[in-house]
Structure formats: C-alpha cells, structure tokens
Amino acid sequence: MNILFDSKTGGNFLYIPEWRMGCELSYLSDVFWNQSSLLGDDEQFGYAYATTVSYALKKLRDVIV
C-alpha cells in the first residue's frame, strides 16, 4: 500500500491511492486531529485504520525529524 503525504499552502495532506482516500492533515504528531480528519464525517475509512495511520504518521515524524 502506498501512502502519500506532503505539504501545501495552508497545511498538509495525505492520499492513499489504492483506497481512493485523501484528507487534510495537521502536524504529523497531532494524532487526534489527523485521526478525526482520516475518519471524515461518514467514517468510511474506519476507526482502526484511521487510528493506525495517525500513529504511524506520528512515529514517522519522530524518525524524519
């Protein structure tokens, strides 16, 4: 699975092509906000996936900084 994330004017974003899912992100270390953004209003992505990806982004931030 590929997870693409980058920054843009006004914030960060994440895109998962295989699942046709994308959202805006806060700082990579902001688990709560990123989890909420990944879940979205319809929670189609799923709580477990949103939580896993949010914590993985936090861990990635610790590695790349």
PDB file of N, CA and C in Angstrom:
ATOM      1  N   MET A   1       0.843  -1.169   0.000  1.00  0.00           N
ATOM      2  CA  MET A   1       0.000   0.000   0.000  1.00  0.00           C
ATOM      3  C   MET A   1       0.888   1.232   0.000  1.00  0.00           C
ATOM      4  N   ASN A   2       0.518   2.208  -0.789  1.00  0.00           N
ATOM      5  CA  ASN A   2       1.223   3.484  -0.835  1.00  0.00           C
ATOM      6  C   ASN A   2       0.436   4.527  -0.061  1.00  0.00           C
ATOM      7  N   ILE A   3       1.147   5.282   0.752  1.00  0.00           N
ATOM      8  CA  ILE A   3       0.564   6.423   1.443  1.00  0.00           C
ATOM      9  C   ILE A   3       1.400   7.634   1.069  1.00  0.00           C
ATOM     10  N   LEU A   4       0.781   8.595   0.439  1.00  0.00           N
ATOM     11  CA  LEU A   4       1.471   9.800   0.016  1.00  0.00           C
ATOM     12  C   LEU A   4       1.059  10.951   0.914  1.00  0.00           C
ATOM     13  N   PHE A   5       2.042  11.679   1.412  1.00  0.00           N
ATOM     14  CA  PHE A   5       1.713  12.885   2.152  1.00  0.00           C
ATOM     15  C   PHE A   5       2.712  13.962   1.803  1.00  0.00           C
ATOM     16  N   ASP A   6       2.249  15.185   1.891  1.00  0.00           N
ATOM     17  CA  ASP A   6       3.076  16.329   1.528  1.00  0.00           C
ATOM     18  C   ASP A   6       2.462  17.565   2.161  1.00  0.00           C
ATOM     19  N   SER A   7       3.121  18.673   1.972  1.00  0.00           N
ATOM     20  CA  SER A   7       2.576  19.928   2.479  1.00  0.00           C
ATOM     21  C   SER A   7       2.162  20.802   1.309  1.00  0.00           C
ATOM     22  N   LYS A   8       1.243  21.690   1.591  1.00  0.00           N
ATOM     23  CA  LYS A   8       0.760  22.642   0.605  1.00  0.00           C
ATOM     24  C   LYS A   8       0.552  23.958   1.327  1.00  0.00           C
ATOM     25  N   THR A   9       0.224  24.977   0.599  1.00  0.00           N
ATOM     26  CA  THR A   9      -0.080  26.242   1.241  1.00  0.00           C
ATOM     27  C   THR A   9      -1.273  26.042   2.162  1.00  0.00           C
ATOM     28  N   GLY A  10      -1.099  26.308   3.425  1.00  0.00           N
ATOM     29  CA  GLY A  10      -2.193  26.162   4.369  1.00  0.00           C
ATOM     30  C   GLY A  10      -2.237  24.845   5.114  1.00  0.00           C
ATOM     31  N   GLY A  11      -1.278  23.941   4.892  1.00  0.00           N
ATOM     32  CA  GLY A  11      -1.295  22.708   5.666  1.00  0.00           C
ATOM     33  C   GLY A  11      -0.724  21.513   4.942  1.00  0.00           C
ATOM     34  N   ASN A  12      -0.988  20.355   5.496  1.00  0.00           N
ATOM     35  CA  ASN A  12      -0.506  19.090   4.962  1.00  0.00           C
ATOM     36  C   ASN A  12      -1.672  18.281   4.427  1.00  0.00           C
ATOM     37  N   PHE A  13      -1.356  17.278   3.600  1.00  0.00           N
ATOM     38  CA  PHE A  13      -2.404  16.407   3.104  1.00  0.00           C
ATOM     39  C   PHE A  13      -1.877  14.984   2.996  1.00  0.00           C
ATOM     40  N   LEU A  14      -2.796  14.046   2.905  1.00  0.00           N
ATOM     41  CA  LEU A  14      -2.471  12.635   2.786  1.00  0.00           C
ATOM     42  C   LEU A  14      -3.374  12.040   1.719  1.00  0.00           C
ATOM     43  N   TYR A  15      -2.824  11.108   0.933  1.00  0.00           N
ATOM     44  CA  TYR A  15      -3.607  10.439  -0.088  1.00  0.00           C
ATOM     45  C   TYR A  15      -3.208   8.975  -0.123  1.00  0.00           C
ATOM     46  N   ILE A  16      -4.191   8.077  -0.151  1.00  0.00           N
ATOM     47  CA  ILE A  16      -3.960   6.642  -0.256  1.00  0.00           C
ATOM     48  C   ILE A  16      -4.619   6.192  -1.558  1.00  0.00           C
ATOM     49  N   PRO A  17      -3.826   6.074  -2.642  1.00  0.00           N
ATOM     50  CA  PRO A  17      -4.399   5.806  -3.969  1.00  0.00           C
ATOM     51  C   PRO A  17      -5.210   4.511  -4.053  1.00  0.00           C
ATOM     52  N   GLU A  18      -4.722   3.441  -3.453  1.00  0.00           N
ATOM     53  CA  GLU A  18      -5.412   2.162  -3.556  1.00  0.00           C
ATOM     54  C   GLU A  18      -6.826   2.216  -2.970  1.00  0.00           C
ATOM     55  N   TRP A  19      -7.040   3.093  -2.004  1.00  0.00           N
ATOM     56  CA  TRP A  19      -8.348   3.214  -1.354  1.00  0.00           C
ATOM     57  C   TRP A  19      -9.103   4.456  -1.819  1.00  0.00           C
ATOM     58  N   ARG A  20      -8.506   5.206  -2.759  1.00  0.00           N
ATOM     59  CA  ARG A  20      -9.120   6.437  -3.272  1.00  0.00           C
ATOM     60  C   ARG A  20      -9.576   7.333  -2.135  1.00  0.00           C
ATOM     61  N   MET A  21      -8.653   7.541  -1.209  1.00  0.00           N
ATOM     62  CA  MET A  21      -8.961   8.290   0.008  1.00  0.00           C
ATOM     63  C   MET A  21      -7.930   9.383   0.193  1.00  0.00           C
ATOM     64  N   GLY A  22      -8.373  10.564   0.504  1.00  0.00           N
ATOM     65  CA  GLY A  22      -7.472  11.666   0.773  1.00  0.00           C
ATOM     66  C   GLY A  22      -8.075  12.588   1.817  1.00  0.00           C
ATOM     67  N   CYS A  23      -7.210  13.314   2.515  1.00  0.00           N
ATOM     68  CA  CYS A  23      -7.691  14.253   3.530  1.00  0.00           C
ATOM     69  C   CYS A  23      -6.585  15.253   3.862  1.00  0.00           C
ATOM     70  N   GLU A  24      -6.984  16.303   4.558  1.00  0.00           N
ATOM     71  CA  GLU A  24      -6.020  17.260   5.068  1.00  0.00           C
ATOM     72  C   GLU A  24      -5.495  16.757   6.406  1.00  0.00           C
ATOM     73  N   LEU A  25      -4.256  17.103   6.698  1.00  0.00           N
ATOM     74  CA  LEU A  25      -3.616  16.713   7.955  1.00  0.00           C
ATOM     75  C   LEU A  25      -3.194  17.938   8.737  1.00  0.00           C
ATOM     76  N   SER A  26      -3.054  17.752  10.021  1.00  0.00           N
ATOM     77  CA  SER A  26      -2.415  18.743  10.871  1.00  0.00           C
ATOM     78  C   SER A  26      -0.927  18.391  10.879  1.00  0.00           C
ATOM     79  N   TYR A  27      -0.222  18.757  11.938  1.00  0.00           N
ATOM     80  CA  TYR A  27       1.157  18.310  12.095  1.00  0.00           C
ATOM     81  C   TYR A  27       1.160  16.794  12.176  1.00  0.00           C
ATOM     82  N   LEU A  28       2.233  16.160  11.731  1.00  0.00           N
ATOM     83  CA  LEU A  28       2.290  14.699  11.764  1.00  0.00           C
ATOM     84  C   LEU A  28       2.151  14.144  13.176  1.00  0.00           C
ATOM     85  N   SER A  29       2.526  14.928  14.170  1.00  0.00           N
ATOM     86  CA  SER A  29       2.455  14.460  15.553  1.00  0.00           C
ATOM     87  C   SER A  29       1.072  14.640  16.185  1.00  0.00           C
ATOM     88  N   ASP A  30       0.150  15.286  15.495  1.00  0.00           N
ATOM     89  CA  ASP A  30      -1.180  15.554  16.045  1.00  0.00           C
ATOM     90  C   ASP A  30      -2.119  14.379  15.758  1.00  0.00           C
ATOM     91  N   VAL A  31      -2.029  13.349  16.580  1.00  0.00           N
ATOM     92  CA  VAL A  31      -2.790  12.119  16.370  1.00  0.00           C
ATOM     93  C   VAL A  31      -4.292  12.374  16.374  1.00  0.00           C
ATOM     94  N   PHE A  32      -4.789  13.135  17.353  1.00  0.00           N
ATOM     95  CA  PHE A  32      -6.225  13.348  17.474  1.00  0.00           C
ATOM     96  C   PHE A  32      -6.812  14.024  16.235  1.00  0.00           C
ATOM     97  N   TRP A  33      -6.209  15.130  15.799  1.00  0.00           N
ATOM     98  CA  TRP A  33      -6.743  15.861  14.645  1.00  0.00           C
ATOM     99  C   TRP A  33      -6.653  15.022  13.378  1.00  0.00           C
ATOM    100  N   ASN A  34      -5.494  14.369  13.168  1.00  0.00           N
ATOM    101  CA  ASN A  34      -5.317  13.566  11.960  1.00  0.00           C
ATOM    102  C   ASN A  34      -6.274  12.378  11.932  1.00  0.00           C
ATOM    103  N   GLN A  35      -6.492  11.762  13.085  1.00  0.00           N
ATOM    104  CA  GLN A  35      -7.432  10.646  13.161  1.00  0.00           C
ATOM    105  C   GLN A  35      -8.840  11.118  12.778  1.00  0.00           C
ATOM    106  N   SER A  36      -9.235  12.248  13.298  1.00  0.00           N
ATOM    107  CA  SER A  36     -10.550  12.804  13.003  1.00  0.00           C
ATOM    108  C   SER A  36     -10.679  13.131  11.515  1.00  0.00           C
ATOM    109  N   SER A  37      -9.642  13.691  10.930  1.00  0.00           N
ATOM    110  CA  SER A  37      -9.663  14.032   9.518  1.00  0.00           C
ATOM    111  C   SER A  37      -9.721  12.774   8.652  1.00  0.00           C
ATOM    112  N   LEU A  38      -8.974  11.748   9.039  1.00  0.00           N
ATOM    113  CA  LEU A  38      -8.998  10.480   8.305  1.00  0.00           C
ATOM    114  C   LEU A  38     -10.370   9.818   8.380  1.00  0.00           C
ATOM    115  N   LEU A  39     -10.996   9.881   9.540  1.00  0.00           N
ATOM    116  CA  LEU A  39     -12.317   9.278   9.691  1.00  0.00           C
ATOM    117  C   LEU A  39     -13.351   9.973   8.820  1.00  0.00           C
ATOM    118  N   GLY A  40     -13.298  11.275   8.767  1.00  0.00           N
ATOM    119  CA  GLY A  40     -14.269  12.031   7.995  1.00  0.00           C
ATOM    120  C   GLY A  40     -15.648  11.961   8.626  1.00  0.00           C
ATOM    121  N   ASP A  41     -16.586  12.629   8.014  1.00  0.00           N
ATOM    122  CA  ASP A  41     -17.954  12.664   8.532  1.00  0.00           C
ATOM    123  C   ASP A  41     -18.667  11.327   8.405  1.00  0.00           C
ATOM    124  N   ASP A  42     -18.360  10.581   7.355  1.00  0.00           N
ATOM    125  CA  ASP A  42     -19.071   9.320   7.132  1.00  0.00           C
ATOM    126  C   ASP A  42     -18.356   8.118   7.750  1.00  0.00           C
ATOM    127  N   GLU A  43     -17.175   8.325   8.281  1.00  0.00           N
ATOM    128  CA  GLU A  43     -16.360   7.273   8.910  1.00  0.00           C
ATOM    129  C   GLU A  43     -16.175   6.060   7.997  1.00  0.00           C
ATOM    130  N   GLN A  44     -16.144   6.310   6.700  1.00  0.00           N
ATOM    131  CA  GLN A  44     -15.983   5.246   5.721  1.00  0.00           C
ATOM    132  C   GLN A  44     -14.604   4.581   5.825  1.00  0.00           C
ATOM    133  N   PHE A  45     -13.594   5.326   6.205  1.00  0.00           N
ATOM    134  CA  PHE A  45     -12.234   4.791   6.295  1.00  0.00           C
ATOM    135  C   PHE A  45     -12.104   3.804   7.442  1.00  0.00           C
ATOM    136  N   GLY A  46     -12.860   3.979   8.494  1.00  0.00           N
ATOM    137  CA  GLY A  46     -12.835   3.051   9.621  1.00  0.00           C
ATOM    138  C   GLY A  46     -11.948   3.543  10.754  1.00  0.00           C
ATOM    139  N   TYR A  47     -12.427   3.355  11.958  1.00  0.00           N
ATOM    140  CA  TYR A  47     -11.722   3.818  13.156  1.00  0.00           C
ATOM    141  C   TYR A  47     -10.350   3.166  13.299  1.00  0.00           C
ATOM    142  N   ALA A  48     -10.262   1.861  13.096  1.00  0.00           N
ATOM    143  CA  ALA A  48      -8.987   1.151  13.270  1.00  0.00           C
ATOM    144  C   ALA A  48      -7.937   1.651  12.273  1.00  0.00           C
ATOM    145  N   TYR A  49      -8.337   1.821  11.014  1.00  0.00           N
ATOM    146  CA  TYR A  49      -7.399   2.320  10.002  1.00  0.00           C
ATOM    147  C   TYR A  49      -6.966   3.747  10.307  1.00  0.00           C
ATOM    148  N   ALA A  50      -7.916   4.593  10.665  1.00  0.00           N
ATOM    149  CA  ALA A  50      -7.602   5.989  10.969  1.00  0.00           C
ATOM    150  C   ALA A  50      -6.647   6.088  12.150  1.00  0.00           C
ATOM    151  N   THR A  51      -6.877   5.290  13.169  1.00  0.00           N
ATOM    152  CA  THR A  51      -6.001   5.294  14.348  1.00  0.00           C
ATOM    153  C   THR A  51      -4.615   4.789  13.993  1.00  0.00           C
ATOM    154  N   THR A  52      -4.543   3.700  13.241  1.00  0.00           N
ATOM    155  CA  THR A  52      -3.257   3.115  12.845  1.00  0.00           C
ATOM    156  C   THR A  52      -2.439   4.091  12.014  1.00  0.00           C
ATOM    157  N   VAL A  53      -3.054   4.703  11.018  1.00  0.00           N
ATOM    158  CA  VAL A  53      -2.335   5.647  10.156  1.00  0.00           C
ATOM    159  C   VAL A  53      -1.910   6.878  10.946  1.00  0.00           C
ATOM    160  N   SER A  54      -2.746   7.358  11.851  1.00  0.00           N
ATOM    161  CA  SER A  54      -2.408   8.539  12.656  1.00  0.00           C
ATOM    162  C   SER A  54      -1.185   8.290  13.526  1.00  0.00           C
ATOM    163  N   TYR A  55      -1.148   7.144  14.170  1.00  0.00           N
ATOM    164  CA  TYR A  55       0.013   6.819  15.000  1.00  0.00           C
ATOM    165  C   TYR A  55       1.254   6.528  14.156  1.00  0.00           C
ATOM    166  N   ALA A  56       1.061   5.952  12.976  1.00  0.00           N
ATOM    167  CA  ALA A  56       2.196   5.722  12.077  1.00  0.00           C
ATOM    168  C   ALA A  56       2.787   7.041  11.610  1.00  0.00           C
ATOM    169  N   LEU A  57       1.946   8.034  11.320  1.00  0.00           N
ATOM    170  CA  LEU A  57       2.444   9.356  10.931  1.00  0.00           C
ATOM    171  C   LEU A  57       3.219  10.005  12.076  1.00  0.00           C
ATOM    172  N   LYS A  58       2.733   9.827  13.301  1.00  0.00           N
ATOM    173  CA  LYS A  58       3.462  10.378  14.458  1.00  0.00           C
ATOM    174  C   LYS A  58       4.827   9.724  14.585  1.00  0.00           C
ATOM    175  N   LYS A  59       4.884   8.416  14.430  1.00  0.00           N
ATOM    176  CA  LYS A  59       6.155   7.690  14.521  1.00  0.00           C
ATOM    177  C   LYS A  59       7.082   8.124  13.386  1.00  0.00           C
ATOM    178  N   LEU A  60       6.535   8.291  12.196  1.00  0.00           N
ATOM    179  CA  LEU A  60       7.332   8.746  11.058  1.00  0.00           C
ATOM    180  C   LEU A  60       7.927  10.115  11.330  1.00  0.00           C
ATOM    181  N   ARG A  61       7.154  10.992  11.931  1.00  0.00           N
ATOM    182  CA  ARG A  61       7.652  12.314  12.266  1.00  0.00           C
ATOM    183  C   ARG A  61       8.847  12.226  13.208  1.00  0.00           C
ATOM    184  N   ASP A  62       8.784  11.301  14.172  1.00  0.00           N
ATOM    185  CA  ASP A  62       9.898  11.121  15.096  1.00  0.00           C
ATOM    186  C   ASP A  62      11.155  10.630  14.379  1.00  0.00           C
ATOM    187  N   VAL A  63      10.969   9.870  13.313  1.00  0.00           N
ATOM    188  CA  VAL A  63      12.094   9.312  12.571  1.00  0.00           C
ATOM    189  C   VAL A  63      12.720  10.333  11.621  1.00  0.00           C
ATOM    190  N   ILE A  64      11.881  11.147  10.970  1.00  0.00           N
ATOM    191  CA  ILE A  64      12.411  12.061   9.954  1.00  0.00           C
ATOM    192  C   ILE A  64      12.889  13.389  10.507  1.00  0.00           C
ATOM    193  N   VAL A  65      12.571  13.705  11.740  1.00  0.00           N
ATOM    194  CA  VAL A  65      12.995  14.986  12.312  1.00  0.00           C
ATOM    195  C   VAL A  65      14.247  14.809  13.132  1.00  0.00           C
TER     196      VAL A  65
END
